[in-house]
Amino acid sequence: MSRADDLALVREYTQSDSLIKHMLAVEAAMRAYARKFGEDEDKWGTVGLLHDFDYERWPNPPDHPLQGSRILQERGYSDEVIYAIKSHADYLTDCPRVSRLDKTLYACDELCGFITACALVRPNRLEELEPKSIRKKMKQASFAASVHREDITNGAADLGVDLDEHMLFCIEAMRGIAAELGLLPVAS
């Protein structure tokens, strides 16, 4: 499958612009980690881009991601891609995160969403956003309340990376596509 095929699948099942941007952000982080780890950037990008493509239609566990995994299988995606996507759901106990690919998706998913929330309340968006600002917002329970903070910290620990370095790494990956994410600085 090509990235164009992946994007077409995302747009077929997802209408929400913010959810599409979330998947693009996770894709950017996954591609950056693939480069860092010497892995297949296209495969890792596919996992990041498609991890939530079924969420809008089937938001309730275990439908998400099981409905999506069925669709991916029908469309010929590899077992490795499908497994990694399934493994990001904690409630699927038969899909523990085993590979570096699985662990990286889990580590990037909630964090990219939280980075986006942090950037949206700053006039400079992603520019100058630092881990200390993210950590401060993580302590504020009412801010981006739906983001599971423990998933962010546990994800970095499971991946074996320092949390601040992980935050900065994902911010930098997202900066590379800031325009696509709607996260360019606000003109004054």
C-alpha atoms as a PDB file:
ATOM      1  CA  MET A   1       0.000   0.000   0.000  1.00  0.00           C
ATOM      2  CA  SER A   2       1.123   3.546  -0.680  1.00  0.00           C
ATOM      3  CA  ARG A   3       0.763   6.591   1.538  1.00  0.00           C
ATOM      4  CA  ALA A   4      -1.896   7.813  -0.916  1.00  0.00           C
ATOM      5  CA  ASP A   5      -3.829   4.584  -0.247  1.00  0.00           C
ATOM      6  CA  ASP A   6      -3.446   5.116   3.501  1.00  0.00           C
ATOM      7  CA  LEU A   7      -4.713   8.708   3.266  1.00  0.00           C
ATOM      8  CA  ALA A   8      -7.646   7.630   1.099  1.00  0.00           C
ATOM      9  CA  LEU A   9      -8.605   5.059   3.741  1.00  0.00           C
ATOM     10  CA  VAL A  10      -8.354   7.679   6.495  1.00  0.00           C
ATOM     11  CA  ARG A  11     -10.581  10.076   4.555  1.00  0.00           C
ATOM     12  CA  GLU A  12     -13.062   7.313   3.689  1.00  0.00           C
ATOM     13  CA  TYR A  13     -13.697   6.561   7.369  1.00  0.00           C
ATOM     14  CA  THR A  14     -12.945   9.885   9.094  1.00  0.00           C
ATOM     15  CA  GLN A  15     -14.709  13.216   8.691  1.00  0.00           C
ATOM     16  CA  SER A  16     -13.265  14.977  11.749  1.00  0.00           C
ATOM     17  CA  ASP A  17     -10.492  17.356  10.759  1.00  0.00           C
ATOM     18  CA  SER A  18      -8.990  17.228  14.257  1.00  0.00           C
ATOM     19  CA  LEU A  19      -8.882  13.420  14.228  1.00  0.00           C
ATOM     20  CA  ILE A  20      -7.218  13.429  10.812  1.00  0.00           C
ATOM     21  CA  LYS A  21      -4.654  15.932  12.091  1.00  0.00           C
ATOM     22  CA  HIS A  22      -4.047  13.713  15.118  1.00  0.00           C
ATOM     23  CA  MET A  23      -3.297  10.755  12.857  1.00  0.00           C
ATOM     24  CA  LEU A  24      -0.970  12.921  10.755  1.00  0.00           C
ATOM     25  CA  ALA A  25       0.866  14.038  13.910  1.00  0.00           C
ATOM     26  CA  VAL A  26       1.329  10.458  15.092  1.00  0.00           C
ATOM     27  CA  GLU A  27       2.472   9.490  11.592  1.00  0.00           C
ATOM     28  CA  ALA A  28       5.130  12.240  11.677  1.00  0.00           C
ATOM     29  CA  ALA A  29       6.402  11.058  15.068  1.00  0.00           C
ATOM     30  CA  MET A  30       6.417   7.423  13.938  1.00  0.00           C
ATOM     31  CA  ARG A  31       8.343   8.255  10.766  1.00  0.00           C
ATOM     32  CA  ALA A  32      10.892  10.221  12.799  1.00  0.00           C
ATOM     33  CA  TYR A  33      11.365   7.308  15.197  1.00  0.00           C
ATOM     34  CA  ALA A  34      11.695   4.878  12.278  1.00  0.00           C
ATOM     35  CA  ARG A  35      14.557   7.009  10.941  1.00  0.00           C
ATOM     36  CA  LYS A  36      16.159   7.174  14.398  1.00  0.00           C
ATOM     37  CA  PHE A  37      15.898   3.411  14.921  1.00  0.00           C
ATOM     38  CA  GLY A  38      16.829   2.466  11.350  1.00  0.00           C
ATOM     39  CA  GLU A  39      13.411   0.932  10.689  1.00  0.00           C
ATOM     40  CA  ASP A  40      11.070   0.936   7.672  1.00  0.00           C
ATOM     41  CA  GLU A  41       9.781   4.514   7.606  1.00  0.00           C
ATOM     42  CA  ASP A  42       6.851   3.762   5.311  1.00  0.00           C
ATOM     43  CA  LYS A  43       5.608   0.874   7.461  1.00  0.00           C
ATOM     44  CA  TRP A  44       5.952   2.873  10.659  1.00  0.00           C
ATOM     45  CA  GLY A  45       4.264   5.856   9.005  1.00  0.00           C
ATOM     46  CA  THR A  46       1.368   3.630   7.925  1.00  0.00           C
ATOM     47  CA  VAL A  47       0.894   2.424  11.506  1.00  0.00           C
ATOM     48  CA  GLY A  48       0.856   6.008  12.805  1.00  0.00           C
ATOM     49  CA  LEU A  49      -1.479   7.271  10.095  1.00  0.00           C
ATOM     50  CA  LEU A  50      -3.991   4.420  10.316  1.00  0.00           C
ATOM     51  CA  HIS A  51      -4.037   3.751  14.066  1.00  0.00           C
ATOM     52  CA  ASP A  52      -7.323   5.624  14.636  1.00  0.00           C
ATOM     53  CA  PHE A  53      -8.922   5.572  11.172  1.00  0.00           C
ATOM     54  CA  ASP A  54     -11.872   3.514  12.503  1.00  0.00           C
ATOM     55  CA  TYR A  55     -12.355   5.521  15.720  1.00  0.00           C
ATOM     56  CA  GLU A  56     -14.994   7.933  14.430  1.00  0.00           C
ATOM     57  CA  ARG A  57     -17.299   5.114  13.269  1.00  0.00           C
ATOM     58  CA  TRP A  58     -16.543   2.689  16.106  1.00  0.00           C
ATOM     59  CA  PRO A  59     -15.349   4.677  19.146  1.00  0.00           C
ATOM     60  CA  ASN A  60     -16.275   2.058  21.736  1.00  0.00           C
ATOM     61  CA  PRO A  61     -13.972  -0.735  22.858  1.00  0.00           C
ATOM     62  CA  PRO A  62     -13.314  -3.267  21.536  1.00  0.00           C
ATOM     63  CA  ASP A  63     -14.849  -2.163  18.224  1.00  0.00           C
ATOM     64  CA  HIS A  64     -11.960   0.285  17.953  1.00  0.00           C
ATOM     65  CA  PRO A  65      -9.522  -1.026  16.765  1.00  0.00           C
ATOM     66  CA  LEU A  66     -11.031  -4.430  15.941  1.00  0.00           C
ATOM     67  CA  GLN A  67     -13.365  -3.119  13.223  1.00  0.00           C
ATOM     68  CA  GLY A  68     -10.423  -1.298  11.685  1.00  0.00           C
ATOM     69  CA  SER A  69      -8.176  -4.351  11.864  1.00  0.00           C
ATOM     70  CA  ARG A  70     -10.777  -6.358   9.952  1.00  0.00           C
ATOM     71  CA  ILE A  71     -10.887  -3.675   7.245  1.00  0.00           C
ATOM     72  CA  LEU A  72      -7.085  -3.522   7.075  1.00  0.00           C
ATOM     73  CA  GLN A  73      -6.898  -7.280   6.702  1.00  0.00           C
ATOM     74  CA  GLU A  74      -9.483  -7.220   3.887  1.00  0.00           C
ATOM     75  CA  ARG A  75      -7.423  -4.560   2.125  1.00  0.00           C
ATOM     76  CA  GLY A  76      -4.197  -6.533   2.314  1.00  0.00           C
ATOM     77  CA  TYR A  77      -2.258  -4.744   5.074  1.00  0.00           C
ATOM     78  CA  SER A  78       0.434  -6.833   6.744  1.00  0.00           C
ATOM     79  CA  ASP A  79      -0.134  -8.712   9.981  1.00  0.00           C
ATOM     80  CA  GLU A  80       2.652  -6.644  11.579  1.00  0.00           C
ATOM     81  CA  VAL A  81       0.886  -3.350  10.795  1.00  0.00           C
ATOM     82  CA  ILE A  82      -2.472  -4.689  12.005  1.00  0.00           C
ATOM     83  CA  TYR A  83      -0.991  -6.109  15.216  1.00  0.00           C
ATOM     84  CA  ALA A  84       0.812  -2.848  16.057  1.00  0.00           C
ATOM     85  CA  ILE A  85      -2.436  -0.910  15.619  1.00  0.00           C
ATOM     86  CA  LYS A  86      -4.372  -3.382  17.764  1.00  0.00           C
ATOM     87  CA  SER A  87      -1.674  -3.255  20.453  1.00  0.00           C
ATOM     88  CA  HIS A  88      -2.258   0.440  21.144  1.00  0.00           C
ATOM     89  CA  ALA A  89      -5.553  -0.495  22.823  1.00  0.00           C
ATOM     90  CA  ASP A  90      -4.859  -1.442  26.451  1.00  0.00           C
ATOM     91  CA  TYR A  91      -8.137  -3.332  26.714  1.00  0.00           C
ATOM     92  CA  LEU A  92      -7.088  -5.895  24.073  1.00  0.00           C
ATOM     93  CA  THR A  93      -5.231  -8.147  26.466  1.00  0.00           C
ATOM     94  CA  ASP A  94      -4.443 -10.663  23.725  1.00  0.00           C
ATOM     95  CA  CYS A  95      -2.340  -8.016  21.916  1.00  0.00           C
ATOM     96  CA  PRO A  96       0.459  -7.007  24.282  1.00  0.00           C
ATOM     97  CA  ARG A  97       2.990  -4.516  23.000  1.00  0.00           C
ATOM     98  CA  VAL A  98       5.992  -6.638  22.092  1.00  0.00           C
ATOM     99  CA  SER A  99       7.935  -5.047  19.239  1.00  0.00           C
ATOM    100  CA  ARG A 100       9.592  -1.657  19.101  1.00  0.00           C
ATOM    101  CA  LEU A 101       6.937  -0.683  16.528  1.00  0.00           C
ATOM    102  CA  ASP A 102       4.114  -1.524  18.963  1.00  0.00           C
ATOM    103  CA  LYS A 103       5.778   0.339  21.810  1.00  0.00           C
ATOM    104  CA  THR A 104       6.541   3.404  19.704  1.00  0.00           C
ATOM    105  CA  LEU A 105       2.936   3.777  18.561  1.00  0.00           C
ATOM    106  CA  TYR A 106       1.730   3.583  22.148  1.00  0.00           C
ATOM    107  CA  ALA A 107       4.372   6.078  23.275  1.00  0.00           C
ATOM    108  CA  CYS A 108       3.487   8.585  20.546  1.00  0.00           C
ATOM    109  CA  ASP A 109      -0.311   8.369  20.445  1.00  0.00           C
ATOM    110  CA  GLU A 110      -1.457  10.196  23.587  1.00  0.00           C
ATOM    111  CA  LEU A 111       1.620  12.408  23.649  1.00  0.00           C
ATOM    112  CA  CYS A 112       1.006  13.789  20.146  1.00  0.00           C
ATOM    113  CA  GLY A 113      -2.570  14.576  21.128  1.00  0.00           C
ATOM    114  CA  PHE A 114      -1.389  16.354  24.255  1.00  0.00           C
ATOM    115  CA  ILE A 115       1.298  18.282  22.374  1.00  0.00           C
ATOM    116  CA  THR A 116      -1.391  19.485  19.973  1.00  0.00           C
ATOM    117  CA  ALA A 117      -3.573  20.649  22.870  1.00  0.00           C
ATOM    118  CA  CYS A 118      -0.612  22.497  24.417  1.00  0.00           C
ATOM    119  CA  ALA A 119       0.311  24.124  21.094  1.00  0.00           C
ATOM    120  CA  LEU A 120      -3.235  25.321  20.427  1.00  0.00           C
ATOM    121  CA  VAL A 121      -3.235  27.537  23.543  1.00  0.00           C
ATOM    122  CA  ARG A 122       0.066  29.214  22.634  1.00  0.00           C
ATOM    123  CA  PRO A 123       0.345  32.047  20.099  1.00  0.00           C
ATOM    124  CA  ASN A 124       3.576  30.530  18.737  1.00  0.00           C
ATOM    125  CA  ARG A 125       1.958  27.057  18.605  1.00  0.00           C
ATOM    126  CA  LEU A 126       4.774  24.492  18.253  1.00  0.00           C
ATOM    127  CA  GLU A 127       7.548  27.065  18.025  1.00  0.00           C
ATOM    128  CA  GLU A 128       9.387  27.318  21.324  1.00  0.00           C
ATOM    129  CA  LEU A 129       7.158  24.636  22.926  1.00  0.00           C
ATOM    130  CA  GLU A 130       9.333  22.766  25.413  1.00  0.00           C
ATOM    131  CA  PRO A 131       8.922  19.673  27.588  1.00  0.00           C
ATOM    132  CA  LYS A 132       8.710  21.801  30.754  1.00  0.00           C
ATOM    133  CA  SER A 133       5.584  23.498  29.375  1.00  0.00           C
ATOM    134  CA  ILE A 134       4.045  20.122  28.575  1.00  0.00           C
ATOM    135  CA  ARG A 135       4.868  18.792  32.040  1.00  0.00           C
ATOM    136  CA  LYS A 136       3.241  21.848  33.605  1.00  0.00           C
ATOM    137  CA  LYS A 137       0.057  21.286  31.595  1.00  0.00           C
ATOM    138  CA  MET A 138       0.082  17.580  32.501  1.00  0.00           C
ATOM    139  CA  LYS A 139      -0.320  18.577  36.151  1.00  0.00           C
ATOM    140  CA  GLN A 140      -3.469  20.557  35.298  1.00  0.00           C
ATOM    141  CA  ALA A 141      -6.149  17.829  35.318  1.00  0.00           C
ATOM    142  CA  SER A 142      -8.775  20.007  33.646  1.00  0.00           C
ATOM    143  CA  PHE A 143      -6.540  20.720  30.647  1.00  0.00           C
ATOM    144  CA  ALA A 144      -7.097  18.226  27.815  1.00  0.00           C
ATOM    145  CA  ALA A 145      -8.853  16.087  30.401  1.00  0.00           C
ATOM    146  CA  SER A 146      -9.480  13.199  28.003  1.00  0.00           C
ATOM    147  CA  VAL A 147      -5.749  12.587  27.547  1.00  0.00           C
ATOM    148  CA  HIS A 148      -4.494   9.825  29.808  1.00  0.00           C
ATOM    149  CA  ARG A 149      -1.331  11.208  31.410  1.00  0.00           C
ATOM    150  CA  GLU A 150      -0.249   7.768  32.618  1.00  0.00           C
ATOM    151  CA  ASP A 151      -0.245   6.547  28.992  1.00  0.00           C
ATOM    152  CA  ILE A 152       2.244   9.300  28.179  1.00  0.00           C
ATOM    153  CA  THR A 153       4.609   8.447  31.016  1.00  0.00           C
ATOM    154  CA  ASN A 154       4.163   4.672  30.710  1.00  0.00           C
ATOM    155  CA  GLY A 155       4.640   4.823  26.946  1.00  0.00           C
ATOM    156  CA  ALA A 156       8.002   6.557  27.215  1.00  0.00           C
ATOM    157  CA  ALA A 157       9.128   4.191  29.976  1.00  0.00           C
ATOM    158  CA  ASP A 158       8.084   1.110  28.002  1.00  0.00           C
ATOM    159  CA  LEU A 159       9.920   2.417  24.945  1.00  0.00           C
ATOM    160  CA  GLY A 160      12.986   3.022  27.122  1.00  0.00           C
ATOM    161  CA  VAL A 161      13.328   6.727  26.390  1.00  0.00           C
ATOM    162  CA  ASP A 162      13.612   9.712  28.715  1.00  0.00           C
ATOM    163  CA  LEU A 163      10.224  11.442  28.888  1.00  0.00           C
ATOM    164  CA  ASP A 164      11.565  14.950  28.249  1.00  0.00           C
ATOM    165  CA  GLU A 165      13.641  13.737  25.299  1.00  0.00           C
ATOM    166  CA  HIS A 166      10.602  11.875  23.949  1.00  0.00           C
ATOM    167  CA  MET A 167       8.464  14.996  24.254  1.00  0.00           C
ATOM    168  CA  LEU A 168      11.035  17.111  22.436  1.00  0.00           C
ATOM    169  CA  PHE A 169      11.494  14.442  19.751  1.00  0.00           C
ATOM    170  CA  CYS A 170       7.744  14.351  19.037  1.00  0.00           C
ATOM    171  CA  ILE A 171       7.479  18.168  19.078  1.00  0.00           C
ATOM    172  CA  GLU A 172      10.269  18.386  16.515  1.00  0.00           C
ATOM    173  CA  ALA A 173       8.639  15.741  14.320  1.00  0.00           C
ATOM    174  CA  MET A 174       5.357  17.648  14.441  1.00  0.00           C
ATOM    175  CA  ARG A 175       7.095  20.947  13.657  1.00  0.00           C
ATOM    176  CA  GLY A 176       8.046  19.433  10.305  1.00  0.00           C
ATOM    177  CA  ILE A 177       4.369  19.324   9.324  1.00  0.00           C
ATOM    178  CA  ALA A 178       3.083  22.253  11.408  1.00  0.00           C
ATOM    179  CA  ALA A 179       1.216  23.805   8.469  1.00  0.00           C
ATOM    180  CA  GLU A 180      -0.610  20.532   7.767  1.00  0.00           C
ATOM    181  CA  LEU A 181      -1.507  20.277  11.437  1.00  0.00           C
ATOM    182  CA  GLY A 182      -2.792  23.853  11.619  1.00  0.00           C
ATOM    183  CA  LEU A 183      -0.099  24.631  14.174  1.00  0.00           C
ATOM    184  CA  LEU A 184       1.791  27.497  12.580  1.00  0.00           C
ATOM    185  CA  PRO A 185       2.264  30.567  14.789  1.00  0.00           C
ATOM    186  CA  VAL A 186      -0.693  32.929  14.947  1.00  0.00           C
ATOM    187  CA  ALA A 187       0.005  36.147  13.043  1.00  0.00           C
ATOM    188  CA  SER A 188      -0.040  39.166  15.331  1.00  0.00           C
END
